[in-house]
Amino acid sequence: MRTEDLINLVRKLAMFLRSQGKGVSISEELTAIYLAEAYFNLSDRADYDDIMTIILAALAKDDESEALIKEYLSGLPAWHDNFDNNLRKRGCKDHNPKPYYDVINEVQYVHGIPKNPRKLKYVANMLAKLGELRDPRVVAKILEQRPSIALSVGKERSLAAVRYMNAEKAAEVIRKLIANADSYEEALSVAKAVDPRLLWRVEIKGFIKGSSLEALVKASLSLRHAAASLSDREPRYLQLAMEESKYAEAALSKVDDKELGETARSLLNEAKAIIGVAQGGTSSLANLPPEVLIPVVQDLYINTEDVKERRALERLLELSLTRTATGLHQGKRTTYNTAGGRLDLRRSELKYIRMASNFMTYRTREKVKSFSLLLDISGSMRPYSSMALAAAALATDSIDLLVLFNDTVKPVKGPLKRQTMIRLLASLRFDGYTNVSQALRASETAKRVVMISDLRQTVRDLEPSETICSFISKGRRLALLAPPSASLAEISKIQCCGATVVTVSGQSDVIRAFSEILRKV
């Protein structure tokens, strides 16, 4: 018998015991596999007594389980070859064992992951060793119980899992990864891969001190305390926020990375805005740019139940957007030409003064074609989807279907009133996984689609490019507004299929890009 044969035997036996109502946990199954592998590393042959000892020790919880195991293993000259046949003889011919990773996920979701720290680390190591630690949601469940094992799990797996964790535990995982980085460049790569609001627990020491990363950490910490002052109404948090904002301001004077510097400045402005609210009311927010105003209003809106305060925040958002997004059309748009329409005297006079040969200018009003808007509301898309929804609030007459999606799809039929869109923007929560393909299927009857997403499919389904190419092949049009973190491989594929892609460099560029994309779809 080979090592692989014995491991498969243990897996199938564990699955069979589960089918008979015997609770076999993932840690017990992995223990049997680990011991079997260790046994084969020390011995060149499979000894029946040793195999029996290993399996009984790991899987037999009671006399009935032990009897079942002994019955199936005794007298089998070639256990692996005859195992399936013996299962069928004992009434299990309809039993279809699931793939191993499905069993792992099922056991972890249904029975829970071990609470014991040592056993938890052992299970995580074994899952990684067997190549079965692929689902970031499973990794998130493990790390939420023990963030310190992020290094054992691995940087890439831990970063993928952070978006599915609560903020406290995610911040601890990030702190651990940055604290154990081998270089400043590695620490930067971690910081750039996560939501900057989660950097507040990072320790300022070593190569972090005096760098752009220090400015970002201090700004994140200031925002953290400012947000706590809103939810807990504690003056001490407000004082801490003000102190950290001063440190962040000082650190910003010596930034060495432009991208981190801009992100730190944005977080700091947000923290200062919340501090201003705590000191002087919502009127202090009036002159903030939308990219700073929107997350502040969202935090304030979620943390209050007062109807009057919520209405004031909605009005504040509407006034700011109306003032800022002047390039967006609503329902109809004006075009200018020299062929016909209504004469535009002002433009004609200006062209005449400039001695233009064909100075007569006419204007026409044409109805804007309606479209469906697909908005990714997973955690990582908050800055970009918030700004896109803000822009869409000024183009409500053109939206015939709004689809909000993370791992679930929430369709909202249009046309939508501006006030409805503003209220939705203020109250929207960004979390969960991402299922781009399911969102596209929810809008499969639409002729024109505008999508805001990073195209990172984190739910098991078709790849976004497959669904998009199928969508376009049916004569429909799709335009994507993508953040800098968007999957370049997926973008390349959908462009080959005929999709329009506009990539933004930052959230302040979203409103302009949204206006541009509406002219192309």
Protein backbone atom coordinates (compact mmCIF):
# COMPACT_ATOMS: atom_id res chain seq x y z
CA MET A 1 0.00 0.00 0.00
CA ARG A 2 1.21 3.49 -0.83
CA THR A 3 1.04 6.52 1.46
CA GLU A 4 -1.64 8.06 -0.77
CA ASP A 5 -3.72 4.88 -0.53
CA LEU A 6 -3.76 4.93 3.25
CA ILE A 7 -4.59 8.67 3.35
CA ASN A 8 -7.50 8.09 0.96
CA LEU A 9 -8.63 5.19 3.13
CA VAL A 10 -8.72 7.44 6.21
CA ARG A 11 -10.63 10.14 4.29
CA LYS A 12 -13.26 7.70 3.00
CA LEU A 13 -13.64 6.04 6.38
CA ALA A 14 -14.15 9.43 8.05
CA MET A 15 -16.78 10.32 5.45
CA PHE A 16 -18.53 7.01 5.99
CA LEU A 17 -18.60 7.49 9.77
CA ARG A 18 -20.19 10.93 9.22
CA SER A 19 -22.81 9.36 6.95
CA GLN A 20 -23.65 6.95 9.81
CA GLY A 21 -24.19 9.85 12.21
CA LYS A 22 -20.79 9.60 13.88
CA GLY A 23 -19.38 13.09 14.37
CA VAL A 24 -15.82 13.09 13.05
CA SER A 25 -14.27 16.55 13.27
CA ILE A 26 -11.79 17.90 10.76
CA SER A 27 -9.04 17.96 13.37
CA GLU A 28 -9.60 14.27 14.15
CA GLU A 29 -9.53 13.36 10.47
CA LEU A 30 -6.36 15.38 9.91
CA THR A 31 -4.76 13.83 12.97
CA ALA A 32 -5.28 10.36 11.49
CA ILE A 33 -3.85 11.50 8.14
CA TYR A 34 -0.86 13.16 9.80
CA LEU A 35 -0.07 10.09 11.91
CA ALA A 36 -0.47 7.80 8.90
CA GLU A 37 1.96 9.93 6.91
CA ALA A 38 4.43 9.98 9.77
CA TYR A 39 4.14 6.19 10.06
CA PHE A 40 4.98 5.72 6.38
CA ASN A 41 7.98 8.01 6.69
CA LEU A 42 9.38 5.65 9.33
CA SER A 43 8.35 2.33 7.80
CA ASP A 44 8.54 0.78 4.35
CA ARG A 45 5.48 -1.44 4.78
CA ALA A 46 1.94 -1.12 6.12
CA ASP A 47 1.58 -3.14 9.35
CA TYR A 48 -2.06 -3.98 10.15
CA ASP A 49 -1.74 -3.47 13.93
CA ASP A 50 -0.10 -0.07 13.49
CA ILE A 51 -2.73 1.04 10.97
CA MET A 52 -5.49 -0.09 13.34
CA THR A 53 -3.92 1.79 16.25
CA ILE A 54 -3.60 5.02 14.24
CA ILE A 55 -7.16 5.00 12.92
CA LEU A 56 -8.81 3.91 16.18
CA ALA A 57 -6.90 6.52 18.18
CA ALA A 58 -7.99 9.34 15.88
CA LEU A 59 -11.50 8.36 14.76
CA ALA A 60 -13.11 5.99 17.28
CA LYS A 61 -15.07 8.00 19.84
CA ASP A 62 -17.15 5.16 21.28
CA ASP A 63 -17.54 1.39 21.15
CA GLU A 64 -19.94 1.55 18.21
CA SER A 65 -17.49 3.59 16.11
CA GLU A 66 -14.67 1.23 17.05
CA ALA A 67 -16.77 -1.78 16.01
CA LEU A 68 -17.60 -0.18 12.65
CA ILE A 69 -13.93 0.59 11.97
CA LYS A 70 -12.75 -2.91 12.91
CA GLU A 71 -15.47 -4.50 10.81
CA TYR A 72 -14.42 -2.62 7.70
CA LEU A 73 -10.69 -3.03 8.19
CA SER A 74 -10.44 -6.62 9.41
CA GLY A 75 -9.66 -9.32 6.88
CA LEU A 76 -9.08 -6.96 3.94
CA PRO A 77 -5.90 -8.08 2.10
CA ALA A 78 -5.77 -4.82 0.13
CA TRP A 79 -7.68 -2.19 2.05
CA HIS A 80 -7.63 0.58 -0.53
CA ASP A 81 -8.60 -1.57 -3.53
CA ASN A 82 -11.51 -3.26 -1.74
CA PHE A 83 -12.73 -0.38 0.36
CA ASP A 84 -15.38 0.96 -2.04
CA ASN A 85 -16.68 -2.57 -2.69
CA ASN A 86 -16.98 -3.23 1.04
CA LEU A 87 -18.90 0.01 1.49
CA ARG A 88 -21.35 -1.12 -1.18
CA LYS A 89 -21.73 -4.56 0.43
CA ARG A 90 -22.69 -2.90 3.68
CA GLY A 91 -25.56 -0.92 2.16
CA CYS A 92 -23.71 2.21 1.06
CA LYS A 93 -23.91 1.84 -2.71
CA ASP A 94 -25.82 5.15 -2.97
CA HIS A 95 -23.32 6.98 -0.81
CA ASN A 96 -21.37 9.47 -2.95
CA PRO A 97 -18.41 10.89 -0.98
CA LYS A 98 -17.94 14.61 -1.47
CA PRO A 99 -14.65 16.12 -2.66
CA TYR A 100 -12.29 16.53 0.27
CA TYR A 101 -12.33 20.34 0.30
CA ASP A 102 -16.15 20.29 0.46
CA VAL A 103 -15.98 18.00 3.47
CA ILE A 104 -13.52 20.38 5.13
CA ASN A 105 -15.76 23.39 4.48
CA GLU A 106 -18.88 21.53 5.63
CA VAL A 107 -17.29 20.35 8.86
CA GLN A 108 -15.84 23.76 9.63
CA TYR A 109 -19.09 25.61 8.96
CA VAL A 110 -21.38 23.10 10.64
CA HIS A 111 -19.31 21.84 13.55
CA GLY A 112 -17.08 24.84 14.04
CA ILE A 113 -13.32 25.21 14.07
CA PRO A 114 -11.45 23.98 17.18
CA LYS A 115 -11.28 26.54 19.99
CA ASN A 116 -8.08 25.22 21.49
CA PRO A 117 -5.20 27.46 20.22
CA ARG A 118 -2.72 24.61 19.78
CA LYS A 119 -5.22 22.40 17.98
CA LEU A 120 -6.29 25.37 15.83
CA LYS A 121 -2.73 26.03 14.72
CA TYR A 122 -2.23 22.34 14.03
CA VAL A 123 -5.39 22.16 11.90
CA ALA A 124 -4.39 25.29 9.96
CA ASN A 125 -0.93 23.86 9.27
CA MET A 126 -2.36 20.55 8.13
CA LEU A 127 -4.91 22.20 5.85
CA ALA A 128 -2.13 24.30 4.30
CA LYS A 129 0.12 21.25 3.93
CA LEU A 130 -2.62 19.26 2.18
CA GLY A 131 -3.32 22.18 -0.16
CA GLU A 132 -6.90 22.45 1.09
CA LEU A 133 -6.67 25.92 2.65
CA ARG A 134 -8.02 27.65 -0.45
CA ASP A 135 -11.26 29.27 0.66
CA PRO A 136 -10.51 32.72 2.21
CA ARG A 137 -13.70 32.45 4.27
CA VAL A 138 -12.33 29.37 6.04
CA VAL A 139 -9.02 31.17 6.62
CA ALA A 140 -10.96 34.13 8.02
CA LYS A 141 -12.76 31.87 10.51
CA ILE A 142 -9.44 30.44 11.65
CA LEU A 143 -7.72 33.83 11.97
CA GLU A 144 -10.64 35.42 13.81
CA GLN A 145 -10.09 32.90 16.59
CA ARG A 146 -6.31 33.26 16.57
CA PRO A 147 -4.89 36.17 14.50
CA SER A 148 -1.35 35.34 15.63
CA ILE A 149 -1.18 32.27 13.35
CA ALA A 150 -1.35 34.50 10.24
CA LEU A 151 2.32 33.75 9.60
CA SER A 152 1.69 30.00 9.67
CA VAL A 153 -1.24 30.39 7.28
CA GLY A 154 0.86 32.54 4.93
CA LYS A 155 0.81 36.18 3.84
CA GLU A 156 -1.22 35.74 0.65
CA ARG A 157 -3.89 33.59 2.32
CA SER A 158 -4.12 35.97 5.29
CA LEU A 159 -4.49 39.05 3.08
CA ALA A 160 -7.24 37.35 1.08
CA ALA A 161 -9.05 36.50 4.33
CA VAL A 162 -8.83 39.97 5.91
CA ARG A 163 -11.77 41.33 3.91
CA TYR A 164 -14.06 38.69 5.49
CA MET A 165 -13.03 39.38 9.10
CA ASN A 166 -14.34 41.82 11.66
CA ALA A 167 -12.31 45.03 11.90
CA GLU A 168 -10.70 44.26 15.27
CA LYS A 169 -9.31 40.86 14.26
CA ALA A 170 -8.39 42.02 10.75
CA ALA A 171 -6.35 44.88 12.20
CA GLU A 172 -4.50 42.39 14.43
CA VAL A 173 -3.68 40.14 11.45
CA ILE A 174 -2.31 43.12 9.50
CA ARG A 175 -0.24 44.21 12.51
CA LYS A 176 1.27 40.73 12.69
CA LEU A 177 2.11 40.61 8.97
CA ILE A 178 3.74 44.05 8.94
CA ALA A 179 5.63 43.46 12.20
CA ASN A 180 7.21 40.34 10.69
CA ALA A 181 7.95 41.80 7.25
CA ASP A 182 11.54 41.27 6.13
CA SER A 183 11.82 44.69 4.51
CA TYR A 184 10.11 48.05 4.22
CA GLU A 185 9.02 47.15 0.68
CA GLU A 186 7.27 44.03 1.97
CA ALA A 187 5.54 46.07 4.68
CA LEU A 188 4.39 48.54 2.01
CA SER A 189 2.97 45.72 -0.12
CA VAL A 190 0.85 44.57 2.84
CA ALA A 191 -0.34 48.11 3.59
CA LYS A 192 -1.34 48.71 -0.03
CA ALA A 193 -3.25 45.44 -0.26
CA VAL A 194 -5.71 46.19 2.57
CA ASP A 195 -8.21 48.84 3.61
CA PRO A 196 -6.04 51.63 5.13
CA ARG A 197 -8.61 52.03 7.92
CA LEU A 198 -7.35 48.69 9.29
CA LEU A 199 -3.76 49.87 9.86
CA TRP A 200 -4.41 51.50 13.22
CA ARG A 201 -2.87 48.63 15.23
CA VAL A 202 0.46 48.62 13.39
CA GLU A 203 3.36 49.39 15.73
CA ILE A 204 5.52 52.41 14.88
CA LYS A 205 9.03 51.00 15.16
CA GLY A 206 11.94 49.82 13.03
CA PHE A 207 11.80 50.84 9.39
CA ILE A 208 8.21 52.08 9.77
CA LYS A 209 9.27 55.00 11.94
CA GLY A 210 9.77 58.16 9.91
CA SER A 211 8.23 56.71 6.74
CA SER A 212 5.05 57.25 4.72
CA LEU A 213 3.67 54.17 6.42
CA GLU A 214 3.93 55.93 9.77
CA ALA A 215 1.80 58.79 8.43
CA LEU A 216 -0.78 56.31 7.18
CA VAL A 217 -0.89 54.39 10.48
CA LYS A 218 -1.29 57.61 12.49
CA ALA A 219 -4.05 58.85 10.19
CA SER A 220 -5.81 55.48 10.48
CA LEU A 221 -5.50 55.62 14.28
CA SER A 222 -6.88 59.17 14.36
CA LEU A 223 -9.86 58.09 12.27
CA ARG A 224 -10.38 55.07 14.49
CA HIS A 225 -10.60 57.23 17.63
CA ALA A 226 -12.78 59.81 15.86
CA ALA A 227 -15.26 57.12 14.79
CA ALA A 228 -15.28 55.72 18.34
CA SER A 229 -16.14 59.18 19.67
CA LEU A 230 -19.26 59.13 17.47
CA SER A 231 -20.50 55.70 18.50
CA ASP A 232 -19.54 55.82 22.21
CA ARG A 233 -19.90 59.58 22.84
CA GLU A 234 -16.72 59.47 24.93
CA PRO A 235 -14.71 62.73 25.14
CA ARG A 236 -11.47 60.79 25.66
CA TYR A 237 -11.71 59.29 22.17
CA LEU A 238 -12.09 62.75 20.69
CA GLN A 239 -8.98 63.90 22.53
CA LEU A 240 -7.02 60.89 21.31
CA ALA A 241 -8.19 61.54 17.74
CA MET A 242 -6.95 65.12 17.89
CA GLU A 243 -3.57 64.05 19.26
CA GLU A 244 -3.06 61.36 16.62
CA SER A 245 -4.09 63.76 13.84
CA LYS A 246 -1.25 66.09 14.92
CA TYR A 247 1.24 63.22 14.76
CA ALA A 248 -0.09 62.23 11.33
CA GLU A 249 0.24 65.81 10.08
CA ALA A 250 3.87 65.89 11.20
CA ALA A 251 4.60 62.52 9.59
CA LEU A 252 3.07 63.69 6.29
CA SER A 253 5.83 66.30 5.95
CA LYS A 254 8.37 63.53 5.23
CA VAL A 255 6.51 61.05 3.04
CA ASP A 256 8.55 58.87 0.68
CA ASP A 257 5.69 57.17 -1.18
CA LYS A 258 3.24 59.38 -3.09
CA GLU A 259 0.40 56.84 -3.12
CA LEU A 260 0.57 56.23 0.63
CA GLY A 261 0.89 59.96 1.25
CA GLU A 262 -2.32 60.68 -0.66
CA THR A 263 -4.16 57.89 1.14
CA ALA A 264 -2.93 59.15 4.52
CA ARG A 265 -4.04 62.69 3.67
CA SER A 266 -7.51 61.42 2.69
CA LEU A 267 -7.89 59.48 5.98
CA LEU A 268 -6.64 62.46 7.96
CA ASN A 269 -9.16 64.78 6.29
CA GLU A 270 -11.90 62.33 7.12
CA ALA A 271 -10.77 62.15 10.76
CA LYS A 272 -10.65 65.96 10.99
CA ALA A 273 -14.14 66.19 9.52
CA ILE A 274 -15.52 63.86 12.20
CA ILE A 275 -13.67 65.82 14.89
CA GLY A 276 -15.28 68.97 13.48
CA VAL A 277 -18.72 67.34 13.71
CA ALA A 278 -18.12 66.43 17.34
CA GLN A 279 -17.09 70.01 18.09
CA GLY A 280 -19.46 72.07 15.98
CA GLY A 281 -22.20 69.99 14.36
CA THR A 282 -22.75 68.85 10.79
CA SER A 283 -22.44 72.38 9.35
CA SER A 284 -18.64 71.97 9.51
CA LEU A 285 -18.94 69.33 6.75
CA ALA A 286 -20.47 71.61 4.13
CA ASN A 287 -17.27 72.52 2.28
CA LEU A 288 -15.66 69.08 2.24
CA PRO A 289 -15.06 67.40 -1.14
CA PRO A 290 -17.35 64.39 -1.81
CA GLU A 291 -14.56 61.81 -1.38
CA VAL A 292 -14.11 63.01 2.23
CA LEU A 293 -17.73 63.92 2.94
CA ILE A 294 -19.38 60.65 1.85
CA PRO A 295 -17.63 58.20 4.25
CA VAL A 296 -18.11 60.67 7.12
CA VAL A 297 -21.84 60.99 6.40
CA GLN A 298 -22.12 57.20 6.12
CA ASP A 299 -20.51 56.74 9.55
CA LEU A 300 -22.71 59.45 11.08
CA TYR A 301 -25.86 58.10 9.46
CA ILE A 302 -25.31 54.54 10.67
CA ASN A 303 -24.50 55.69 14.21
CA THR A 304 -27.66 57.74 14.75
CA GLU A 305 -31.35 56.84 14.92
CA ASP A 306 -32.50 60.48 15.04
CA VAL A 307 -34.76 61.11 12.01
CA LYS A 308 -34.04 64.86 11.87
CA GLU A 309 -30.28 64.30 11.97
CA ARG A 310 -30.51 61.73 9.20
CA ARG A 311 -32.53 64.09 7.00
CA ALA A 312 -29.98 66.83 7.58
CA LEU A 313 -27.20 64.47 6.48
CA GLU A 314 -29.17 63.52 3.35
CA ARG A 315 -29.64 67.20 2.43
CA LEU A 316 -25.95 67.81 3.03
CA LEU A 317 -25.03 65.01 0.62
CA GLU A 318 -27.43 66.24 -2.04
CA LEU A 319 -26.16 69.83 -1.90
CA SER A 320 -22.53 68.71 -2.08
CA LEU A 321 -23.13 66.42 -5.05
CA THR A 322 -25.20 68.97 -6.97
CA ARG A 323 -22.40 71.49 -6.53
CA THR A 324 -19.64 69.06 -7.51
CA ALA A 325 -20.99 66.78 -10.24
CA THR A 326 -21.90 69.46 -12.77
CA GLY A 327 -20.91 67.32 -15.77
CA LEU A 328 -23.59 64.68 -15.21
CA HIS A 329 -26.82 64.72 -17.17
CA GLN A 330 -30.26 63.75 -15.91
CA GLY A 331 -32.70 62.17 -18.30
CA LYS A 332 -31.83 64.50 -21.21
CA ARG A 333 -28.65 66.14 -22.40
CA THR A 334 -27.88 69.09 -24.65
CA THR A 335 -25.78 68.74 -27.78
CA TYR A 336 -24.53 71.55 -30.05
CA ASN A 337 -24.15 71.47 -33.84
CA THR A 338 -24.18 73.65 -36.94
CA ALA A 339 -26.86 71.73 -38.80
CA GLY A 340 -30.15 72.48 -37.10
CA GLY A 341 -32.16 72.78 -33.94
CA ARG A 342 -32.77 75.77 -31.72
CA LEU A 343 -30.42 78.69 -32.36
CA ASP A 344 -28.00 79.34 -29.49
CA LEU A 345 -27.37 83.10 -29.69
CA ARG A 346 -24.62 83.28 -27.08
CA ARG A 347 -22.47 80.56 -28.63
CA SER A 348 -23.11 81.93 -32.14
CA GLU A 349 -22.02 85.44 -31.08
CA LEU A 350 -18.85 84.12 -29.46
CA LYS A 351 -17.91 82.19 -32.60
CA TYR A 352 -18.68 85.25 -34.76
CA ILE A 353 -16.42 87.46 -32.59
CA ARG A 354 -13.68 84.85 -33.00
CA MET A 355 -14.25 85.08 -36.79
CA ALA A 356 -15.26 81.45 -37.16
CA SER A 357 -16.33 80.63 -40.71
CA ASN A 358 -19.41 78.67 -39.68
CA PHE A 359 -20.57 80.54 -36.60
CA MET A 360 -24.29 79.66 -36.46
CA THR A 361 -24.70 77.20 -33.56
CA TYR A 362 -27.82 75.23 -32.71
CA ARG A 363 -28.69 73.18 -29.70
CA THR A 364 -30.87 70.12 -29.35
CA ARG A 365 -32.09 68.17 -26.34
CA GLU A 366 -31.96 64.42 -26.66
CA LYS A 367 -33.13 61.76 -24.24
CA VAL A 368 -30.34 59.81 -22.61
CA LYS A 369 -30.56 56.08 -23.20
CA SER A 370 -31.40 54.12 -20.07
CA PHE A 371 -29.00 51.56 -18.58
CA SER A 372 -28.65 49.10 -15.72
CA LEU A 373 -26.13 49.93 -12.98
CA LEU A 374 -24.28 47.07 -11.25
CA LEU A 375 -22.56 48.19 -8.07
CA ASP A 376 -20.03 46.06 -6.17
CA ILE A 377 -20.63 46.66 -2.42
CA SER A 378 -18.01 44.25 -1.03
CA GLY A 379 -15.73 45.73 1.64
CA SER A 380 -12.79 46.63 -0.61
CA MET A 381 -14.97 48.60 -3.04
CA ARG A 382 -16.35 51.11 -0.55
CA PRO A 383 -14.39 54.22 -1.70
CA TYR A 384 -15.13 53.68 -5.40
CA SER A 385 -18.68 52.34 -5.26
CA SER A 386 -19.70 55.12 -2.85
CA MET A 387 -18.51 57.76 -5.29
CA ALA A 388 -20.13 55.97 -8.24
CA LEU A 389 -23.45 55.74 -6.41
CA ALA A 390 -23.16 59.44 -5.61
CA ALA A 391 -22.70 60.20 -9.32
CA ALA A 392 -25.59 57.88 -10.20
CA ALA A 393 -27.85 59.82 -7.83
CA LEU A 394 -27.72 62.68 -10.37
CA ALA A 395 -28.60 60.40 -13.30
CA THR A 396 -31.58 58.61 -11.78
CA ASP A 397 -33.90 59.14 -14.78
CA SER A 398 -31.51 57.05 -16.88
CA ILE A 399 -31.24 54.04 -14.53
CA ASP A 400 -33.85 51.36 -15.22
CA LEU A 401 -32.29 48.82 -12.83
CA LEU A 402 -29.86 49.16 -9.94
CA VAL A 403 -28.16 45.94 -8.79
CA LEU A 404 -26.22 46.03 -5.51
CA PHE A 405 -24.09 42.94 -5.10
CA ASN A 406 -21.52 41.29 -2.87
CA ASP A 407 -22.05 37.55 -2.30
CA THR A 408 -25.79 38.19 -2.71
CA VAL A 409 -27.67 40.26 -5.28
CA LYS A 410 -30.10 43.05 -4.37
CA PRO A 411 -31.92 44.38 -7.46
CA VAL A 412 -33.79 47.71 -7.21
CA LYS A 413 -36.07 48.56 -10.13
CA GLY A 414 -35.99 52.05 -11.59
CA PRO A 415 -36.62 54.77 -12.36
CA LEU A 416 -35.41 55.88 -8.93
CA LYS A 417 -35.95 59.23 -7.29
CA ARG A 418 -32.86 61.22 -6.37
CA GLN A 419 -33.87 61.25 -2.70
CA THR A 420 -34.06 57.45 -2.73
CA MET A 421 -30.54 57.23 -4.15
CA ILE A 422 -29.17 59.72 -1.61
CA ARG A 423 -30.75 57.80 1.27
CA LEU A 424 -29.36 54.55 -0.11
CA LEU A 425 -25.87 56.08 -0.38
CA ALA A 426 -25.95 57.32 3.20
CA SER A 427 -27.14 54.03 4.71
CA LEU A 428 -25.24 51.53 2.55
CA ARG A 429 -22.95 49.05 4.29
CA PHE A 430 -20.01 47.55 2.44
CA ASP A 431 -19.09 43.98 3.40
CA GLY A 432 -19.24 40.36 2.29
CA TYR A 433 -17.73 38.39 -0.58
CA THR A 434 -18.03 39.14 -4.31
CA ASN A 435 -20.07 37.29 -6.93
CA VAL A 436 -19.78 39.30 -10.14
CA SER A 437 -21.23 36.57 -12.33
CA GLN A 438 -24.43 36.28 -10.30
CA ALA A 439 -24.95 40.06 -10.54
CA LEU A 440 -24.58 39.91 -14.32
CA ARG A 441 -27.14 37.13 -14.54
CA ALA A 442 -29.57 39.28 -12.53
CA SER A 443 -29.40 41.89 -15.31
CA GLU A 444 -29.33 39.51 -18.27
CA THR A 445 -32.31 41.22 -19.95
CA ALA A 446 -30.61 44.65 -19.92
CA LYS A 447 -29.33 46.04 -23.22
CA ARG A 448 -26.84 48.43 -21.63
CA VAL A 449 -24.94 47.82 -18.40
CA VAL A 450 -22.56 50.01 -16.41
CA MET A 451 -20.62 48.04 -13.81
CA ILE A 452 -18.40 49.27 -10.96
CA SER A 453 -16.25 46.40 -9.70
CA ASP A 454 -12.68 45.12 -9.34
CA LEU A 455 -13.77 41.84 -11.06
CA ARG A 456 -12.30 39.75 -8.25
CA GLN A 457 -14.65 36.77 -7.98
CA THR A 458 -14.42 35.44 -4.40
CA VAL A 459 -17.46 33.13 -4.55
CA ARG A 460 -17.27 29.85 -6.44
CA ASP A 461 -18.93 30.56 -9.79
CA LEU A 462 -18.01 31.33 -13.40
CA GLU A 463 -15.19 33.82 -13.90
CA PRO A 464 -16.53 37.36 -14.58
CA SER A 465 -14.92 37.45 -18.03
CA GLU A 466 -16.84 34.31 -19.10
CA THR A 467 -20.19 35.80 -18.07
CA ILE A 468 -19.40 39.21 -19.55
CA CYS A 469 -18.28 37.78 -22.90
CA SER A 470 -21.46 35.69 -23.06
CA PHE A 471 -23.47 38.83 -22.24
CA ILE A 472 -21.82 40.87 -25.01
CA SER A 473 -22.12 38.03 -27.56
CA LYS A 474 -25.91 38.45 -27.35
CA GLY A 475 -25.68 41.99 -28.74
CA ARG A 476 -25.63 43.83 -25.41
CA ARG A 477 -23.25 46.56 -24.33
CA LEU A 478 -21.23 46.73 -21.13
CA ALA A 479 -18.94 49.40 -19.71
CA LEU A 480 -16.79 48.84 -16.62
CA LEU A 481 -15.50 51.46 -14.21
CA ALA A 482 -12.55 49.79 -12.49
CA PRO A 483 -10.44 50.80 -9.45
CA PRO A 484 -6.62 50.47 -9.47
CA SER A 485 -6.89 47.09 -7.70
CA ALA A 486 -8.98 45.53 -10.50
CA SER A 487 -7.86 42.21 -11.96
CA LEU A 488 -5.77 43.08 -15.03
CA ALA A 489 -6.19 39.58 -16.46
CA GLU A 490 -9.99 39.85 -16.33
CA ILE A 491 -9.93 43.39 -17.78
CA SER A 492 -7.83 42.21 -20.71
CA LYS A 493 -10.26 39.37 -21.44
CA ILE A 494 -13.42 41.51 -21.36
CA GLN A 495 -11.82 44.18 -23.54
CA CYS A 496 -11.14 41.50 -26.15
CA CYS A 497 -14.85 40.67 -26.02
CA GLY A 498 -15.80 44.29 -26.74
CA ALA A 499 -16.44 45.74 -23.28
CA THR A 500 -15.55 49.38 -22.57
CA VAL A 501 -13.23 49.82 -19.58
CA VAL A 502 -12.40 53.07 -17.78
CA THR A 503 -9.87 52.76 -14.96
CA VAL A 504 -9.64 55.41 -12.24
CA SER A 505 -6.48 56.25 -10.32
CA GLY A 506 -8.30 57.33 -7.15
CA GLN A 507 -11.75 57.90 -5.70
CA SER A 508 -11.69 61.63 -6.49
CA ASP A 509 -11.64 60.67 -10.18
CA VAL A 510 -14.78 58.51 -10.06
CA ILE A 511 -17.42 61.19 -10.75
CA ARG A 512 -15.58 62.41 -13.87
CA ALA A 513 -15.03 58.83 -15.05
CA PHE A 514 -18.69 57.94 -14.42
CA SER A 515 -19.79 60.86 -16.59
CA GLU A 516 -17.37 59.74 -19.30
CA ILE A 517 -18.55 56.15 -19.20
CA LEU A 518 -22.20 57.15 -19.63
CA ARG A 519 -21.32 58.68 -22.99
CA LYS A 520 -19.72 55.42 -24.14
CA VAL A 521 -22.23 52.80 -23.09
